[in-house]
Amino acid sequence: MKIDKEIFVSVDVEASGPIPGKYSMLSIGACVVSAPSQQFSCYLKPISDEFVPAAMEVTGLSLEKLREEGLEPVKAMTQFKAWVDSLTGEGETVVFVGLNASFDWGFVNYYFHQFLQENPFGIAALDIKSMYLGASDCSWKMTRSSEIAKVVHPKNAGDHDALHDAIYQAELFDLIRKKVMAK
């Protein structure tokens, strides 16, 4: 049986609130887990005026500035899809990896379908929090990135910049996998 090669892509987004459609995806950051220097990032124009003040505060982004400087969502998602597609060859599959993937996946999947009618990642995402929970037999509360970092000791740190966080998450994912493989 031939097994396809899987290319794990760490993805992080920043958003103006908790759900896509009502709130906007403001930025996307992504990198290949095995080669973090292979990166994609962009800022998007908001699709809504709705926002949660705490969400905007944590991102440090401004809806007004993004209306002027961000990419139109269709252009952003077209560029992101082209980058994802460029990562694979014959018999290779991309796998979306996120830390609390349900949040990031929700926005990315919504935007891909809303603006391009397809998602190059397919219909699933790999969640680092769930993976760590299963690998470590800890409590859900202990799956926060700050708690995982105490165990796997990454060099990077998260800072709510989508690309920086994607790189950090890629390192966490890789370190967790190595720790599990060492058992």
N, C-alpha and C. Protein backbone atom coordinates (compact mmCIF):
# COMPACT_ATOMS: atom_id res chain seq x y z
N MET A 1 0.84 -1.18 0.00
CA MET A 1 0.00 0.00 0.00
C MET A 1 0.89 1.24 0.00
N LYS A 2 0.63 2.17 -0.91
CA LYS A 2 1.39 3.41 -0.99
C LYS A 2 0.72 4.46 -0.11
N ILE A 3 1.51 5.08 0.74
CA ILE A 3 0.99 6.12 1.62
C ILE A 3 1.39 7.47 1.04
N ASP A 4 0.41 8.36 0.91
CA ASP A 4 0.69 9.71 0.42
C ASP A 4 1.54 10.46 1.43
N LYS A 5 2.35 11.37 0.93
CA LYS A 5 3.15 12.23 1.79
C LYS A 5 2.25 13.35 2.30
N GLU A 6 2.30 13.57 3.60
CA GLU A 6 1.50 14.63 4.21
C GLU A 6 2.39 15.83 4.51
N ILE A 7 1.93 16.99 4.11
CA ILE A 7 2.64 18.23 4.37
C ILE A 7 1.81 19.01 5.39
N PHE A 8 2.34 19.10 6.59
CA PHE A 8 1.63 19.77 7.67
C PHE A 8 1.88 21.27 7.58
N VAL A 9 0.79 22.03 7.57
CA VAL A 9 0.86 23.48 7.45
C VAL A 9 0.21 24.10 8.69
N SER A 10 1.03 24.81 9.46
CA SER A 10 0.54 25.50 10.64
C SER A 10 -0.12 26.81 10.20
N VAL A 11 -1.35 27.01 10.65
CA VAL A 11 -2.12 28.19 10.25
C VAL A 11 -2.65 28.89 11.51
N ASP A 12 -2.53 30.21 11.51
CA ASP A 12 -3.11 31.02 12.58
C ASP A 12 -3.80 32.21 11.95
N VAL A 13 -4.91 32.61 12.55
CA VAL A 13 -5.60 33.81 12.09
C VAL A 13 -5.86 34.73 13.27
N GLU A 14 -6.03 35.99 12.96
CA GLU A 14 -6.53 36.96 13.92
C GLU A 14 -7.87 37.44 13.38
N ALA A 15 -8.82 37.64 14.27
CA ALA A 15 -10.18 37.98 13.86
C ALA A 15 -10.77 39.04 14.78
N SER A 16 -11.83 39.67 14.30
CA SER A 16 -12.47 40.75 15.07
C SER A 16 -13.51 40.23 16.06
N GLY A 17 -13.70 38.92 16.10
CA GLY A 17 -14.67 38.33 17.01
C GLY A 17 -14.65 36.81 16.90
N PRO A 18 -15.60 36.14 17.57
CA PRO A 18 -15.51 34.69 17.70
C PRO A 18 -16.05 33.84 16.55
N ILE A 19 -16.84 34.43 15.64
CA ILE A 19 -17.42 33.60 14.59
C ILE A 19 -17.29 34.28 13.22
N PRO A 20 -17.03 33.46 12.18
CA PRO A 20 -16.93 34.03 10.83
C PRO A 20 -18.29 34.47 10.31
N GLY A 21 -18.26 35.44 9.41
CA GLY A 21 -19.50 35.97 8.83
C GLY A 21 -19.96 37.20 9.57
N LYS A 22 -20.27 37.04 10.84
CA LYS A 22 -20.63 38.20 11.65
C LYS A 22 -19.40 39.06 11.91
N TYR A 23 -18.26 38.38 12.11
CA TYR A 23 -16.99 39.07 12.38
C TYR A 23 -16.02 38.78 11.24
N SER A 24 -14.95 39.54 11.17
CA SER A 24 -14.00 39.46 10.06
C SER A 24 -12.71 38.75 10.46
N MET A 25 -12.16 38.01 9.49
CA MET A 25 -10.80 37.51 9.62
C MET A 25 -9.90 38.68 9.21
N LEU A 26 -8.98 39.05 10.06
CA LEU A 26 -8.16 40.23 9.85
C LEU A 26 -6.78 39.91 9.28
N SER A 27 -6.24 38.76 9.65
CA SER A 27 -4.92 38.37 9.14
C SER A 27 -4.80 36.86 9.14
N ILE A 28 -3.95 36.38 8.24
CA ILE A 28 -3.64 34.96 8.12
C ILE A 28 -2.13 34.83 8.17
N GLY A 29 -1.65 33.86 8.93
CA GLY A 29 -0.24 33.49 8.93
C GLY A 29 -0.16 31.99 8.78
N ALA A 30 0.77 31.51 7.96
CA ALA A 30 0.92 30.07 7.77
C ALA A 30 2.37 29.75 7.45
N CYS A 31 2.78 28.54 7.84
CA CYS A 31 4.12 28.06 7.48
C CYS A 31 4.09 26.54 7.42
N VAL A 32 5.03 25.99 6.67
CA VAL A 32 5.18 24.55 6.61
C VAL A 32 5.88 24.10 7.89
N VAL A 33 5.31 23.12 8.58
CA VAL A 33 5.87 22.69 9.87
C VAL A 33 7.32 22.23 9.71
N SER A 34 7.61 21.47 8.68
CA SER A 34 8.96 20.93 8.50
C SER A 34 9.94 21.94 7.92
N ALA A 35 9.43 23.07 7.46
CA ALA A 35 10.28 24.13 6.86
C ALA A 35 9.61 25.48 7.13
N PRO A 36 9.68 25.97 8.37
CA PRO A 36 8.96 27.20 8.74
C PRO A 36 9.31 28.44 7.93
N SER A 37 10.44 28.40 7.21
CA SER A 37 10.77 29.55 6.37
C SER A 37 9.88 29.60 5.12
N GLN A 38 9.16 28.52 4.82
CA GLN A 38 8.16 28.54 3.76
C GLN A 38 6.89 29.10 4.38
N GLN A 39 6.60 30.37 4.08
CA GLN A 39 5.56 31.10 4.80
C GLN A 39 4.58 31.80 3.87
N PHE A 40 3.42 32.08 4.45
CA PHE A 40 2.43 32.93 3.80
C PHE A 40 1.85 33.83 4.89
N SER A 41 1.61 35.09 4.56
CA SER A 41 0.87 35.96 5.48
C SER A 41 0.23 37.10 4.71
N CYS A 42 -0.88 37.57 5.23
CA CYS A 42 -1.53 38.74 4.65
C CYS A 42 -2.52 39.33 5.64
N TYR A 43 -2.90 40.57 5.38
CA TYR A 43 -3.94 41.27 6.12
C TYR A 43 -5.13 41.41 5.18
N LEU A 44 -6.34 41.33 5.72
CA LEU A 44 -7.55 41.38 4.91
C LEU A 44 -8.41 42.58 5.27
N LYS A 45 -9.11 43.08 4.26
CA LYS A 45 -10.14 44.09 4.51
C LYS A 45 -11.27 43.43 5.28
N PRO A 46 -11.84 44.12 6.25
CA PRO A 46 -12.96 43.54 7.01
C PRO A 46 -14.19 43.34 6.11
N ILE A 47 -14.97 42.30 6.41
CA ILE A 47 -16.22 42.06 5.69
C ILE A 47 -17.41 42.53 6.52
N SER A 48 -17.14 43.02 7.71
CA SER A 48 -18.19 43.46 8.63
C SER A 48 -17.65 44.58 9.50
N ASP A 49 -18.55 45.42 9.97
CA ASP A 49 -18.17 46.47 10.92
C ASP A 49 -18.23 45.96 12.36
N GLU A 50 -18.74 44.75 12.54
CA GLU A 50 -18.86 44.17 13.89
C GLU A 50 -17.49 43.83 14.45
N PHE A 51 -17.31 44.03 15.75
CA PHE A 51 -16.08 43.63 16.41
C PHE A 51 -16.30 43.50 17.91
N VAL A 52 -15.47 42.70 18.53
CA VAL A 52 -15.44 42.57 19.97
C VAL A 52 -14.23 43.37 20.43
N PRO A 53 -14.43 44.39 21.26
CA PRO A 53 -13.30 45.23 21.66
C PRO A 53 -12.08 44.45 22.16
N ALA A 54 -12.30 43.42 22.97
CA ALA A 54 -11.17 42.64 23.49
C ALA A 54 -10.41 41.93 22.37
N ALA A 55 -11.12 41.48 21.34
CA ALA A 55 -10.47 40.82 20.20
C ALA A 55 -9.58 41.81 19.45
N MET A 56 -10.07 43.01 19.26
CA MET A 56 -9.28 44.02 18.56
C MET A 56 -8.07 44.44 19.40
N GLU A 57 -8.27 44.52 20.69
CA GLU A 57 -7.17 44.91 21.58
C GLU A 57 -6.05 43.87 21.54
N VAL A 58 -6.40 42.60 21.56
CA VAL A 58 -5.38 41.55 21.57
C VAL A 58 -4.62 41.49 20.25
N THR A 59 -5.27 41.82 19.14
CA THR A 59 -4.59 41.78 17.84
C THR A 59 -3.73 43.01 17.59
N GLY A 60 -4.11 44.13 18.19
CA GLY A 60 -3.40 45.37 17.93
C GLY A 60 -3.71 45.93 16.54
N LEU A 61 -4.72 45.36 15.87
CA LEU A 61 -5.08 45.80 14.52
C LEU A 61 -6.24 46.79 14.57
N SER A 62 -6.42 47.51 13.49
CA SER A 62 -7.47 48.51 13.38
C SER A 62 -8.33 48.23 12.15
N LEU A 63 -9.64 48.18 12.34
CA LEU A 63 -10.53 47.96 11.20
C LEU A 63 -10.38 49.07 10.18
N GLU A 64 -10.21 50.30 10.66
CA GLU A 64 -10.07 51.43 9.75
C GLU A 64 -8.81 51.28 8.87
N LYS A 65 -7.71 50.94 9.50
CA LYS A 65 -6.46 50.79 8.76
C LYS A 65 -6.55 49.61 7.78
N LEU A 66 -7.18 48.51 8.22
CA LEU A 66 -7.33 47.34 7.34
C LEU A 66 -8.26 47.64 6.16
N ARG A 67 -9.26 48.50 6.36
CA ARG A 67 -10.12 48.89 5.24
C ARG A 67 -9.30 49.57 4.14
N GLU A 68 -8.26 50.29 4.55
CA GLU A 68 -7.40 50.99 3.59
C GLU A 68 -6.29 50.10 3.04
N GLU A 69 -5.66 49.30 3.90
CA GLU A 69 -4.43 48.60 3.53
C GLU A 69 -4.58 47.09 3.34
N GLY A 70 -5.65 46.51 3.83
CA GLY A 70 -5.82 45.06 3.72
C GLY A 70 -6.19 44.64 2.30
N LEU A 71 -5.99 43.37 2.01
CA LEU A 71 -6.39 42.81 0.72
C LEU A 71 -7.88 42.54 0.70
N GLU A 72 -8.50 42.68 -0.46
CA GLU A 72 -9.87 42.22 -0.61
C GLU A 72 -9.88 40.73 -0.28
N PRO A 73 -10.88 40.23 0.44
CA PRO A 73 -10.88 38.82 0.83
C PRO A 73 -10.70 37.84 -0.33
N VAL A 74 -11.32 38.10 -1.47
CA VAL A 74 -11.16 37.17 -2.60
C VAL A 74 -9.70 37.12 -3.06
N LYS A 75 -9.03 38.25 -3.05
CA LYS A 75 -7.61 38.29 -3.45
C LYS A 75 -6.75 37.58 -2.40
N ALA A 76 -7.02 37.83 -1.13
CA ALA A 76 -6.26 37.19 -0.06
C ALA A 76 -6.41 35.67 -0.12
N MET A 77 -7.64 35.20 -0.30
CA MET A 77 -7.86 33.76 -0.32
C MET A 77 -7.32 33.12 -1.61
N THR A 78 -7.34 33.86 -2.70
CA THR A 78 -6.74 33.36 -3.95
C THR A 78 -5.23 33.20 -3.77
N GLN A 79 -4.60 34.18 -3.15
CA GLN A 79 -3.16 34.10 -2.90
C GLN A 79 -2.83 32.97 -1.92
N PHE A 80 -3.64 32.84 -0.88
CA PHE A 80 -3.41 31.78 0.11
C PHE A 80 -3.56 30.41 -0.54
N LYS A 81 -4.60 30.23 -1.35
CA LYS A 81 -4.82 28.95 -2.04
C LYS A 81 -3.66 28.65 -2.97
N ALA A 82 -3.18 29.63 -3.72
CA ALA A 82 -2.05 29.42 -4.63
C ALA A 82 -0.82 28.98 -3.84
N TRP A 83 -0.59 29.59 -2.68
CA TRP A 83 0.55 29.20 -1.85
C TRP A 83 0.39 27.77 -1.36
N VAL A 84 -0.79 27.43 -0.83
CA VAL A 84 -1.04 26.06 -0.35
C VAL A 84 -0.84 25.07 -1.49
N ASP A 85 -1.43 25.37 -2.65
CA ASP A 85 -1.32 24.46 -3.81
C ASP A 85 0.14 24.28 -4.24
N SER A 86 0.96 25.31 -4.07
CA SER A 86 2.36 25.23 -4.49
C SER A 86 3.18 24.28 -3.63
N LEU A 87 2.65 23.89 -2.49
CA LEU A 87 3.39 23.04 -1.55
C LEU A 87 3.36 21.56 -1.93
N THR A 88 2.42 21.18 -2.76
CA THR A 88 2.22 19.76 -3.02
C THR A 88 2.54 19.36 -4.45
N GLY A 89 2.97 18.12 -4.56
CA GLY A 89 3.17 17.49 -5.85
C GLY A 89 2.30 16.24 -5.92
N GLU A 90 2.59 15.41 -6.87
CA GLU A 90 1.83 14.16 -7.05
C GLU A 90 1.90 13.31 -5.78
N GLY A 91 0.75 12.86 -5.31
CA GLY A 91 0.70 11.98 -4.14
C GLY A 91 0.94 12.67 -2.82
N GLU A 92 0.86 14.00 -2.79
CA GLU A 92 1.07 14.74 -1.55
C GLU A 92 -0.22 15.45 -1.13
N THR A 93 -0.41 15.54 0.17
CA THR A 93 -1.60 16.15 0.74
C THR A 93 -1.21 17.18 1.78
N VAL A 94 -1.89 18.33 1.77
CA VAL A 94 -1.67 19.32 2.83
C VAL A 94 -2.62 19.04 3.98
N VAL A 95 -2.12 19.24 5.19
CA VAL A 95 -2.92 19.04 6.39
C VAL A 95 -2.88 20.34 7.18
N PHE A 96 -4.05 20.92 7.43
CA PHE A 96 -4.19 22.13 8.23
C PHE A 96 -3.91 21.80 9.69
N VAL A 97 -2.99 22.53 10.32
CA VAL A 97 -2.64 22.33 11.72
C VAL A 97 -2.87 23.65 12.44
N GLY A 98 -3.58 23.61 13.56
CA GLY A 98 -3.82 24.82 14.33
C GLY A 98 -3.85 24.55 15.81
N LEU A 99 -3.63 25.60 16.58
CA LEU A 99 -3.73 25.50 18.03
C LEU A 99 -5.07 26.13 18.41
N ASN A 100 -5.95 25.29 18.81
CA ASN A 100 -7.37 25.53 18.85
C ASN A 100 -7.84 25.69 17.40
N ALA A 101 -7.59 24.62 16.66
CA ALA A 101 -7.88 24.61 15.22
C ALA A 101 -9.34 24.94 14.92
N SER A 102 -10.24 24.64 15.83
CA SER A 102 -11.66 24.91 15.55
C SER A 102 -11.88 26.40 15.28
N PHE A 103 -11.18 27.26 15.97
CA PHE A 103 -11.32 28.71 15.75
C PHE A 103 -10.73 29.10 14.40
N ASP A 104 -9.44 28.82 14.21
CA ASP A 104 -8.76 29.22 12.98
C ASP A 104 -9.38 28.54 11.76
N TRP A 105 -9.66 27.24 11.89
CA TRP A 105 -10.27 26.48 10.81
C TRP A 105 -11.62 27.08 10.43
N GLY A 106 -12.42 27.46 11.41
CA GLY A 106 -13.73 28.02 11.13
C GLY A 106 -13.64 29.24 10.21
N PHE A 107 -12.73 30.13 10.52
CA PHE A 107 -12.57 31.33 9.69
C PHE A 107 -11.99 31.00 8.32
N VAL A 108 -10.93 30.20 8.28
CA VAL A 108 -10.29 29.87 7.01
C VAL A 108 -11.26 29.12 6.11
N ASN A 109 -11.94 28.13 6.65
CA ASN A 109 -12.89 27.35 5.85
C ASN A 109 -14.03 28.24 5.33
N TYR A 110 -14.57 29.07 6.20
CA TYR A 110 -15.64 29.99 5.80
C TYR A 110 -15.17 30.90 4.67
N TYR A 111 -14.02 31.52 4.81
CA TYR A 111 -13.52 32.45 3.80
C TYR A 111 -13.21 31.73 2.49
N PHE A 112 -12.59 30.55 2.55
CA PHE A 112 -12.33 29.81 1.31
C PHE A 112 -13.63 29.52 0.58
N HIS A 113 -14.63 29.04 1.30
CA HIS A 113 -15.90 28.70 0.64
C HIS A 113 -16.69 29.93 0.22
N GLN A 114 -16.66 30.95 1.04
CA GLN A 114 -17.40 32.18 0.73
C GLN A 114 -16.84 32.88 -0.52
N PHE A 115 -15.51 32.88 -0.64
CA PHE A 115 -14.89 33.66 -1.71
C PHE A 115 -14.33 32.84 -2.87
N LEU A 116 -14.04 31.55 -2.65
CA LEU A 116 -13.48 30.72 -3.73
C LEU A 116 -14.28 29.44 -3.99
N GLN A 117 -15.27 29.15 -3.16
CA GLN A 117 -16.11 27.97 -3.28
C GLN A 117 -15.37 26.65 -3.06
N GLU A 118 -14.14 26.71 -2.55
CA GLU A 118 -13.42 25.48 -2.22
C GLU A 118 -12.32 25.77 -1.21
N ASN A 119 -11.95 24.74 -0.47
CA ASN A 119 -10.90 24.85 0.53
C ASN A 119 -9.80 23.86 0.17
N PRO A 120 -8.58 24.33 -0.14
CA PRO A 120 -7.52 23.41 -0.55
C PRO A 120 -7.08 22.44 0.55
N PHE A 121 -7.47 22.70 1.78
CA PHE A 121 -7.14 21.78 2.88
C PHE A 121 -8.15 20.64 2.98
N GLY A 122 -9.24 20.71 2.23
CA GLY A 122 -10.27 19.69 2.36
C GLY A 122 -11.21 20.02 3.49
N ILE A 123 -11.67 18.99 4.19
CA ILE A 123 -12.73 19.19 5.18
C ILE A 123 -12.29 18.97 6.63
N ALA A 124 -11.00 18.91 6.90
CA ALA A 124 -10.57 18.60 8.26
C ALA A 124 -9.36 19.43 8.67
N ALA A 125 -9.18 19.51 9.99
CA ALA A 125 -8.03 20.20 10.56
C ALA A 125 -7.49 19.38 11.72
N LEU A 126 -6.19 19.42 11.91
CA LEU A 126 -5.54 18.74 13.02
C LEU A 126 -5.34 19.77 14.12
N ASP A 127 -5.87 19.46 15.30
CA ASP A 127 -5.81 20.39 16.43
C ASP A 127 -4.67 20.01 17.37
N ILE A 128 -3.74 20.93 17.59
CA ILE A 128 -2.59 20.68 18.45
C ILE A 128 -3.03 20.44 19.90
N LYS A 129 -4.02 21.19 20.36
CA LYS A 129 -4.50 21.02 21.73
C LYS A 129 -5.02 19.59 21.96
N SER A 130 -5.82 19.10 21.02
CA SER A 130 -6.36 17.74 21.14
C SER A 130 -5.25 16.70 21.05
N MET A 131 -4.32 16.93 20.13
CA MET A 131 -3.19 16.01 19.98
C MET A 131 -2.40 15.93 21.29
N TYR A 132 -2.13 17.08 21.88
CA TYR A 132 -1.37 17.11 23.13
C TYR A 132 -2.14 16.44 24.26
N LEU A 133 -3.44 16.68 24.31
CA LEU A 133 -4.28 16.05 25.34
C LEU A 133 -4.15 14.53 25.26
N GLY A 134 -4.24 13.99 24.06
CA GLY A 134 -4.13 12.54 23.89
C GLY A 134 -2.74 12.01 24.17
N ALA A 135 -1.72 12.79 23.81
CA ALA A 135 -0.34 12.33 23.98
C ALA A 135 0.15 12.44 25.42
N SER A 136 -0.43 13.36 26.18
CA SER A 136 0.10 13.61 27.52
C SER A 136 -0.82 13.15 28.65
N ASP A 137 -2.04 12.82 28.33
CA ASP A 137 -3.01 12.41 29.35
C ASP A 137 -3.16 13.49 30.43
N CYS A 138 -3.24 14.75 29.98
CA CYS A 138 -3.41 15.87 30.91
C CYS A 138 -4.87 16.34 30.88
N SER A 139 -5.16 17.40 31.61
CA SER A 139 -6.50 17.99 31.57
C SER A 139 -6.58 18.97 30.41
N TRP A 140 -7.81 19.30 29.98
CA TRP A 140 -8.00 20.25 28.87
C TRP A 140 -7.36 21.60 29.20
N LYS A 141 -7.48 22.03 30.44
CA LYS A 141 -6.90 23.31 30.87
C LYS A 141 -5.39 23.34 30.63
N MET A 142 -4.76 22.20 30.68
CA MET A 142 -3.31 22.11 30.52
C MET A 142 -2.88 22.08 29.04
N THR A 143 -3.84 22.25 28.11
CA THR A 143 -3.50 22.25 26.69
C THR A 143 -3.31 23.66 26.14
N ARG A 144 -3.30 24.64 27.00
CA ARG A 144 -2.99 26.01 26.56
C ARG A 144 -1.55 26.02 26.06
N SER A 145 -1.26 26.87 25.09
CA SER A 145 0.11 26.90 24.54
C SER A 145 1.14 27.19 25.62
N SER A 146 0.79 28.05 26.57
CA SER A 146 1.74 28.39 27.64
C SER A 146 2.05 27.17 28.51
N GLU A 147 1.07 26.30 28.70
CA GLU A 147 1.28 25.08 29.49
C GLU A 147 2.07 24.04 28.69
N ILE A 148 1.75 23.90 27.40
CA ILE A 148 2.48 22.96 26.55
C ILE A 148 3.96 23.38 26.48
N ALA A 149 4.19 24.68 26.37
CA ALA A 149 5.56 25.20 26.27
C ALA A 149 6.41 24.83 27.49
N LYS A 150 5.78 24.75 28.65
CA LYS A 150 6.52 24.36 29.87
C LYS A 150 7.05 22.94 29.77
N VAL A 151 6.43 22.12 28.96
CA VAL A 151 6.82 20.72 28.83
C VAL A 151 7.77 20.49 27.66
N VAL A 152 7.50 21.15 26.51
CA VAL A 152 8.29 20.87 25.30
C VAL A 152 9.40 21.90 25.03
N HIS A 153 9.39 23.03 25.71
CA HIS A 153 10.45 24.04 25.66
C HIS A 153 10.77 24.57 24.26
N PRO A 154 9.80 25.25 23.62
CA PRO A 154 10.07 25.82 22.30
C PRO A 154 11.00 27.03 22.39
N LYS A 155 11.64 27.35 21.28
CA LYS A 155 12.50 28.54 21.22
C LYS A 155 11.66 29.78 20.94
N ASN A 156 10.56 29.60 20.19
CA ASN A 156 9.69 30.72 19.82
C ASN A 156 8.61 30.94 20.86
N ALA A 157 7.86 32.02 20.69
CA ALA A 157 6.72 32.33 21.56
C ALA A 157 5.63 32.98 20.72
N GLY A 158 4.41 32.88 21.19
CA GLY A 158 3.29 33.51 20.51
C GLY A 158 3.14 34.96 20.92
N ASP A 159 2.61 35.79 19.99
CA ASP A 159 2.43 37.21 20.30
C ASP A 159 1.20 37.82 19.63
N HIS A 160 0.31 37.00 19.12
CA HIS A 160 -0.92 37.43 18.42
C HIS A 160 -0.65 38.12 17.09
N ASP A 161 0.53 37.90 16.52
CA ASP A 161 0.77 38.20 15.11
C ASP A 161 0.57 36.86 14.41
N ALA A 162 -0.31 36.81 13.41
CA ALA A 162 -0.70 35.53 12.82
C ALA A 162 0.49 34.73 12.31
N LEU A 163 1.44 35.36 11.63
CA LEU A 163 2.58 34.61 11.12
C LEU A 163 3.49 34.13 12.26
N HIS A 164 3.77 35.00 13.21
CA HIS A 164 4.60 34.59 14.35
C HIS A 164 3.95 33.42 15.09
N ASP A 165 2.63 33.50 15.28
CA ASP A 165 1.94 32.43 16.00
C ASP A 165 1.92 31.13 15.19
N ALA A 166 1.82 31.22 13.87
CA ALA A 166 1.87 30.01 13.04
C ALA A 166 3.24 29.34 13.19
N ILE A 167 4.30 30.13 13.22
CA ILE A 167 5.65 29.58 13.38
C ILE A 167 5.80 28.94 14.76
N TYR A 168 5.30 29.62 15.78
CA TYR A 168 5.34 29.09 17.14
C TYR A 168 4.56 27.78 17.23
N GLN A 169 3.37 27.76 16.66
CA GLN A 169 2.54 26.56 16.69
C GLN A 169 3.21 25.41 15.92
N ALA A 170 3.87 25.72 14.83
CA ALA A 170 4.59 24.69 14.08
C ALA A 170 5.66 24.05 14.95
N GLU A 171 6.37 24.88 15.71
CA GLU A 171 7.40 24.35 16.60
C GLU A 171 6.78 23.49 17.70
N LEU A 172 5.69 23.96 18.30
CA LEU A 172 5.02 23.16 19.33
C LEU A 172 4.58 21.80 18.76
N PHE A 173 3.96 21.82 17.60
CA PHE A 173 3.49 20.60 16.95
C PHE A 173 4.66 19.63 16.72
N ASP A 174 5.75 20.15 16.18
CA ASP A 174 6.92 19.31 15.90
C ASP A 174 7.51 18.74 17.19
N LEU A 175 7.62 19.56 18.23
CA LEU A 175 8.17 19.09 19.50
C LEU A 175 7.27 18.04 20.16
N ILE A 176 5.96 18.23 20.07
CA ILE A 176 5.03 17.22 20.62
C ILE A 176 5.19 15.91 19.86
N ARG A 177 5.24 15.98 18.54
CA ARG A 177 5.41 14.75 17.75
C ARG A 177 6.71 14.04 18.11
N LYS A 178 7.79 14.78 18.27
CA LYS A 178 9.08 14.17 18.63
C LYS A 178 9.01 13.53 20.01
N LYS A 179 8.33 14.19 20.94
CA LYS A 179 8.19 13.67 22.30
C LYS A 179 7.39 12.36 22.28
N VAL A 180 6.34 12.31 21.49
CA VAL A 180 5.51 11.11 21.41
C VAL A 180 6.30 9.98 20.73
N MET A 181 7.04 10.32 19.67
CA MET A 181 7.81 9.30 18.94
C MET A 181 8.92 8.72 19.82
N ALA A 182 9.42 9.51 20.78
CA ALA A 182 10.52 9.06 21.64
C ALA A 182 10.04 8.04 22.66
N LYS A 183 8.74 7.97 22.88
CA LYS A 183 8.20 7.04 23.89
C LYS A 183 8.27 5.62 23.41
